[in-house]
Amino acid sequence: MTGAGAGTGVALVLGATGTTGSRVVPRLTARGHRVRAASRRAVPVGGAEAVRFDWYDPATYAAALDGADRAYLVAPVDSASPADVMLPFLEQARAAGLRRAVLLSSSAVPAGGPAVGQVHRALPGLFDEWAVLRPSWFMQNFTGDHMHARSIREEGVIMTAAGEGRVAFVDADDIAAVAVHALTDVRAPGTDLVVTGPQALSHADVAAVLTEVTGRAVVHRSLTYEEMRDRLAASMPVEYAAMLAGMDRANGEGAEDRTTDTVRRLTGRPPRTFRDHVTRTPGPARVT
């Protein structure tokens, strides 16, 4: 049986303007694949066809799915129960001819776990060709437009409830490279892929690298779970804030203190180090 990697259909990328989606789209188009970049505002990305897509507007589903045989799935932002909208969409996608689904999840969320973990558990029953990417926490959290990046730029501080816990932070470029292989290789992975950087670092280690590379003093300030939850809840639903703060606390207990060979195994090259990421990050995203 010919896999989706050899197909001629459209590769649908949801969240095409997001941190990973915006990196997946140009990699697919560069390989000659037909790509449909889906986002709420139908913004053109990487030379792909743009289409409006909103998880909470089923009227946008059909146009996004037209002719698509594979999809990169990014859950709705700040939803504590994404399965409520994602599973009906995936049922429609399967009926429309989608054969391969690659879901972006998190290393902190197993199949059947909270939030997107419920979608992860359902995915193998919906599609014969599938993969779930479970990346560690993004390096871009410290250099992009994330809360950590903003507090670093404005105050020179990283605030977490992770204590001295270590995390193998991963570059979004490496996640995107793994996603492209999962979408286009002749055989779909048919499993979950934990995607990490090459080294587990504490947030104090991260602060030290930022200080050394940028020349600006950055420190890590430890918060309690409750303090972190309340800080997050100022900008998102409290249930989602509680879940994220709980993940932070779990990091402090060693939940993310591991590395994997996923990036090297699928792409043939090693994952980028945090120091290299900071050094390569240009312009206003750089800590200055």
Protein backbone atom coordinates (compact mmCIF):
# COMPACT_ATOMS: atom_id res chain seq x y z
CA MET A 1 0.00 0.00 0.00
CA THR A 2 1.36 3.42 -0.89
CA GLY A 3 1.73 5.69 2.12
CA ALA A 4 0.78 9.33 2.33
CA GLY A 5 4.43 10.25 1.88
CA ALA A 6 4.16 9.26 -1.78
CA GLY A 7 0.76 10.83 -2.32
CA THR A 8 -0.25 13.79 -4.44
CA GLY A 9 -2.82 15.30 -2.11
CA VAL A 10 -2.63 18.47 -0.09
CA ALA A 11 -0.78 18.72 3.20
CA LEU A 12 -2.96 20.73 5.57
CA VAL A 13 -1.10 22.64 8.28
CA LEU A 14 -3.28 23.93 11.10
CA GLY A 15 -1.90 26.72 13.23
CA ALA A 16 0.16 27.73 10.22
CA THR A 17 1.14 31.10 11.70
CA GLY A 18 2.17 29.60 15.05
CA THR A 19 5.59 28.74 16.42
CA THR A 20 5.85 25.31 14.81
CA GLY A 21 3.30 25.60 11.99
CA SER A 22 5.08 28.61 10.49
CA ARG A 23 8.20 26.47 10.31
CA VAL A 24 6.50 23.34 8.98
CA VAL A 25 4.88 25.11 6.00
CA PRO A 26 8.04 26.38 4.25
CA ARG A 27 9.81 23.08 4.80
CA LEU A 28 6.98 21.24 3.06
CA THR A 29 6.78 23.69 0.15
CA ALA A 30 10.57 23.53 -0.26
CA ARG A 31 10.19 19.77 -0.77
CA GLY A 32 7.64 20.35 -3.51
CA HIS A 33 4.52 19.39 -1.56
CA ARG A 34 1.19 21.09 -2.08
CA VAL A 35 0.47 22.85 1.20
CA ARG A 36 -2.59 24.56 2.63
CA ALA A 37 -1.75 26.97 5.46
CA ALA A 38 -4.73 27.25 7.81
CA SER A 39 -5.17 30.04 10.34
CA ARG A 40 -7.93 32.23 11.73
CA ARG A 41 -6.99 35.13 9.45
CA ALA A 42 -5.92 33.05 6.42
CA VAL A 43 -2.47 34.63 6.40
CA PRO A 44 -0.17 33.50 3.55
CA VAL A 45 2.80 31.48 4.88
CA GLY A 46 5.81 30.14 3.02
CA GLY A 47 4.28 30.21 -0.45
CA ALA A 48 1.39 27.93 0.55
CA GLU A 49 -2.30 28.36 -0.19
CA ALA A 50 -3.90 30.25 2.70
CA VAL A 51 -7.28 29.23 4.10
CA ARG A 52 -9.31 30.47 7.03
CA PHE A 53 -9.70 27.91 9.81
CA ASP A 54 -11.17 28.25 13.28
CA TRP A 55 -11.57 25.26 15.59
CA TYR A 56 -14.71 26.89 17.01
CA ASP A 57 -16.30 27.50 13.59
CA PRO A 58 -17.19 24.20 11.88
CA ALA A 59 -18.17 26.16 8.77
CA THR A 60 -14.42 26.57 8.09
CA TYR A 61 -13.66 22.85 8.15
CA ALA A 62 -14.70 21.77 4.65
CA ALA A 63 -12.57 24.26 2.72
CA ALA A 64 -9.54 23.41 4.83
CA LEU A 65 -10.00 19.67 4.28
CA ASP A 66 -10.77 19.78 0.54
CA GLY A 67 -8.26 17.46 -1.15
CA ALA A 68 -6.10 17.08 1.96
CA ASP A 69 -4.62 13.64 2.57
CA ARG A 70 -2.45 14.54 5.58
CA ALA A 71 -2.58 17.16 8.30
CA TYR A 72 -0.44 18.73 10.98
CA LEU A 73 -2.70 19.30 13.96
CA VAL A 74 -2.21 22.05 16.53
CA ALA A 75 -4.78 22.27 19.32
CA PRO A 76 -6.74 25.45 19.97
CA VAL A 77 -4.79 27.83 22.16
CA ASP A 78 -5.62 28.08 25.87
CA SER A 79 -8.24 25.32 25.81
CA ALA A 80 -8.19 22.92 28.74
CA SER A 81 -10.49 20.51 26.80
CA PRO A 82 -9.36 20.60 23.15
CA ALA A 83 -10.80 17.14 22.45
CA ASP A 84 -14.29 18.65 22.54
CA VAL A 85 -13.67 20.44 19.25
CA MET A 86 -10.80 18.41 17.79
CA LEU A 87 -12.45 14.98 17.76
CA PRO A 88 -15.53 16.07 15.74
CA PHE A 89 -13.17 17.75 13.26
CA LEU A 90 -11.07 14.58 12.97
CA GLU A 91 -14.16 12.48 12.32
CA GLN A 92 -15.07 14.86 9.49
CA ALA A 93 -11.47 14.82 8.24
CA ARG A 94 -11.43 11.04 8.01
CA ALA A 95 -14.71 11.04 6.10
CA ALA A 96 -13.27 13.68 3.75
CA GLY A 97 -10.30 11.47 2.85
CA LEU A 98 -7.57 12.46 5.29
CA ARG A 99 -5.24 9.48 5.70
CA ARG A 100 -2.41 10.73 7.88
CA ALA A 101 -2.57 12.90 10.99
CA VAL A 102 0.40 14.28 12.91
CA LEU A 103 -0.60 15.81 16.24
CA LEU A 104 1.45 18.32 18.21
CA SER A 105 1.21 17.45 21.89
CA SER A 106 3.70 17.79 24.75
CA SER A 107 6.29 15.62 26.43
CA ALA A 108 4.45 16.39 29.67
CA VAL A 109 1.14 14.95 28.40
CA PRO A 110 0.86 11.17 27.77
CA ALA A 111 -1.85 9.45 25.77
CA GLY A 112 -5.07 9.73 27.74
CA GLY A 113 -3.66 12.56 29.83
CA PRO A 114 -5.18 16.00 30.25
CA ALA A 115 -5.96 18.39 27.39
CA VAL A 116 -4.55 17.14 24.08
CA GLY A 117 -3.75 13.79 25.68
CA GLN A 118 -7.37 12.79 25.03
CA VAL A 119 -6.86 13.47 21.30
CA HIS A 120 -3.61 11.49 21.38
CA ARG A 121 -5.46 8.49 22.79
CA ALA A 122 -8.13 8.65 20.07
CA LEU A 123 -5.84 9.23 17.08
CA PRO A 124 -4.79 5.60 16.33
CA GLY A 125 -8.45 4.59 16.17
CA LEU A 126 -9.19 7.28 13.61
CA PHE A 127 -6.25 6.95 11.22
CA ASP A 128 -4.02 4.09 10.08
CA GLU A 129 -1.21 6.58 9.45
CA TRP A 130 -0.45 8.79 12.43
CA ALA A 131 2.11 10.23 14.80
CA VAL A 132 2.05 12.33 17.93
CA LEU A 133 4.90 14.78 18.49
CA ARG A 134 5.60 15.29 22.17
CA PRO A 135 8.23 18.03 22.33
CA SER A 136 9.78 19.29 25.50
CA TRP A 137 9.43 22.96 26.38
CA PHE A 138 10.41 25.34 23.58
CA MET A 139 13.65 27.31 23.53
CA GLN A 140 11.60 30.08 21.89
CA ASN A 141 9.85 30.60 25.24
CA PHE A 142 12.95 32.56 26.26
CA THR A 143 13.54 34.49 23.05
CA GLY A 144 10.17 34.98 21.34
CA ASP A 145 6.94 36.54 22.59
CA HIS A 146 6.29 34.18 25.51
CA MET A 147 5.78 35.41 29.07
CA HIS A 148 9.31 34.27 29.96
CA ALA A 149 10.83 36.16 27.03
CA ARG A 150 8.97 39.33 27.97
CA SER A 151 10.03 39.19 31.62
CA ILE A 152 13.61 38.56 30.53
CA ARG A 153 13.61 41.60 28.27
CA GLU A 154 11.76 43.88 30.68
CA GLU A 155 13.15 42.76 34.05
CA GLY A 156 16.06 40.38 33.43
CA VAL A 157 14.14 37.66 35.31
CA ILE A 158 12.77 34.18 34.55
CA MET A 159 10.00 33.22 36.97
CA THR A 160 8.95 29.57 37.31
CA ALA A 161 7.72 27.02 39.83
CA ALA A 162 10.29 24.52 38.53
CA GLY A 163 12.94 25.19 41.15
CA GLU A 164 16.19 23.46 40.19
CA GLY A 165 14.43 20.95 37.94
CA ARG A 166 16.07 20.38 34.57
CA VAL A 167 14.38 20.41 31.16
CA ALA A 168 15.79 19.38 27.76
CA PHE A 169 14.51 22.50 26.00
CA VAL A 170 14.05 22.03 22.24
CA ASP A 171 14.25 24.43 19.31
CA ALA A 172 11.00 24.81 17.34
CA ASP A 173 13.02 24.39 14.13
CA ASP A 174 13.90 20.87 15.26
CA ILE A 175 10.28 20.13 16.09
CA ALA A 176 9.25 21.31 12.61
CA ALA A 177 11.91 19.15 10.97
CA VAL A 178 10.60 16.08 12.80
CA ALA A 179 7.02 17.01 11.86
CA VAL A 180 7.89 17.18 8.17
CA HIS A 181 9.37 13.69 8.28
CA ALA A 182 6.32 12.38 10.14
CA LEU A 183 4.06 13.94 7.49
CA THR A 184 5.98 12.88 4.39
CA ASP A 185 8.00 9.73 4.98
CA VAL A 186 6.51 6.76 3.14
CA ARG A 187 5.80 5.04 6.43
CA ALA A 188 4.14 7.05 9.15
CA PRO A 189 5.78 6.66 12.58
CA GLY A 190 2.63 5.13 14.08
CA THR A 191 3.75 6.12 17.56
CA ASP A 192 4.42 9.09 19.80
CA LEU A 193 7.77 10.83 19.43
CA VAL A 194 9.28 12.61 22.42
CA VAL A 195 11.32 15.46 20.95
CA THR A 196 14.01 17.10 23.09
CA GLY A 197 17.10 19.19 22.83
CA PRO A 198 20.54 17.67 23.43
CA GLN A 199 20.95 18.68 27.09
CA ALA A 200 18.73 19.05 30.15
CA LEU A 201 19.15 22.50 31.75
CA SER A 202 17.77 24.12 34.87
CA HIS A 203 16.26 27.57 34.53
CA ALA A 204 19.31 28.90 36.34
CA ASP A 205 21.43 27.30 33.60
CA VAL A 206 19.24 29.00 30.98
CA ALA A 207 19.68 32.34 32.72
CA ALA A 208 23.46 31.84 32.78
CA VAL A 209 23.58 31.14 29.04
CA LEU A 210 21.43 34.19 28.29
CA THR A 211 23.67 36.33 30.47
CA GLU A 212 26.84 35.10 28.81
CA VAL A 213 25.64 35.30 25.22
CA THR A 214 23.74 38.58 25.42
CA GLY A 215 25.83 40.45 27.95
CA ARG A 216 22.77 41.30 30.04
CA ALA A 217 22.29 39.89 33.52
CA VAL A 218 19.41 37.40 33.69
CA VAL A 219 18.41 35.46 36.82
CA HIS A 220 15.90 32.77 37.70
CA ARG A 221 13.38 33.48 40.47
CA SER A 222 11.59 30.48 42.00
CA LEU A 223 7.85 30.79 42.65
CA THR A 224 5.46 28.49 44.48
CA TYR A 225 2.87 26.58 42.48
CA GLU A 226 0.19 28.99 43.68
CA GLU A 227 2.23 32.05 42.73
CA MET A 228 2.89 30.65 39.27
CA ARG A 229 -0.76 29.70 38.77
CA ASP A 230 -1.93 33.18 39.72
CA ARG A 231 0.69 34.84 37.52
CA LEU A 232 -0.45 32.80 34.52
CA ALA A 233 -4.14 33.30 35.32
CA ALA A 234 -3.72 37.02 34.72
CA SER A 235 -3.52 36.28 31.00
CA MET A 236 -5.44 33.01 30.47
CA PRO A 237 -8.33 30.92 31.88
CA VAL A 238 -7.60 29.79 35.41
CA GLU A 239 -8.05 26.08 34.57
CA TYR A 240 -5.39 26.34 31.87
CA ALA A 241 -3.13 28.35 34.17
CA ALA A 242 -3.45 25.68 36.86
CA MET A 243 -2.52 22.95 34.36
CA LEU A 244 0.58 24.84 33.17
CA ALA A 245 1.67 25.67 36.71
CA GLY A 246 1.25 22.00 37.58
CA MET A 247 3.54 21.06 34.69
CA ASP A 248 6.07 23.57 35.97
CA ARG A 249 5.92 21.98 39.41
CA ALA A 250 6.36 18.54 37.85
CA ASN A 251 9.48 19.84 36.08
CA GLY A 252 10.85 20.72 39.49
CA GLU A 253 10.32 17.09 40.48
CA GLY A 254 12.32 15.81 37.47
CA ALA A 255 9.54 15.05 34.98
CA GLU A 256 11.45 16.53 32.03
CA ASP A 257 15.01 15.61 33.03
CA ARG A 258 15.69 13.41 30.00
CA THR A 259 16.94 13.57 26.42
CA THR A 260 15.94 11.52 23.38
CA ASP A 261 17.50 10.74 19.99
CA THR A 262 14.33 11.60 18.04
CA VAL A 263 15.72 14.61 16.16
CA ARG A 264 18.91 12.82 15.09
CA ARG A 265 17.10 9.59 14.25
CA LEU A 266 14.47 11.22 12.01
CA THR A 267 16.45 14.09 10.49
CA GLY A 268 20.00 12.72 10.45
CA ARG A 269 21.43 15.67 12.39
CA PRO A 270 21.76 16.55 16.08
CA PRO A 271 19.28 18.87 17.80
CA ARG A 272 20.32 22.49 18.30
CA THR A 273 21.78 23.50 21.64
CA PHE A 274 20.25 26.33 23.67
CA ARG A 275 23.45 28.37 23.35
CA ASP A 276 23.32 28.03 19.57
CA HIS A 277 19.65 28.98 19.56
CA VAL A 278 20.27 32.18 21.53
CA THR A 279 23.29 33.06 19.40
CA ARG A 280 21.29 32.62 16.19
CA THR A 281 18.16 34.46 17.32
CA PRO A 282 18.16 37.84 15.53
CA GLY A 283 16.59 41.25 15.99
CA PRO A 284 13.94 42.13 18.57
CA ALA A 285 13.46 38.52 19.67
CA ARG A 286 17.03 38.58 21.00
CA VAL A 287 17.50 39.36 24.67
CA THR A 288 19.00 42.86 24.53
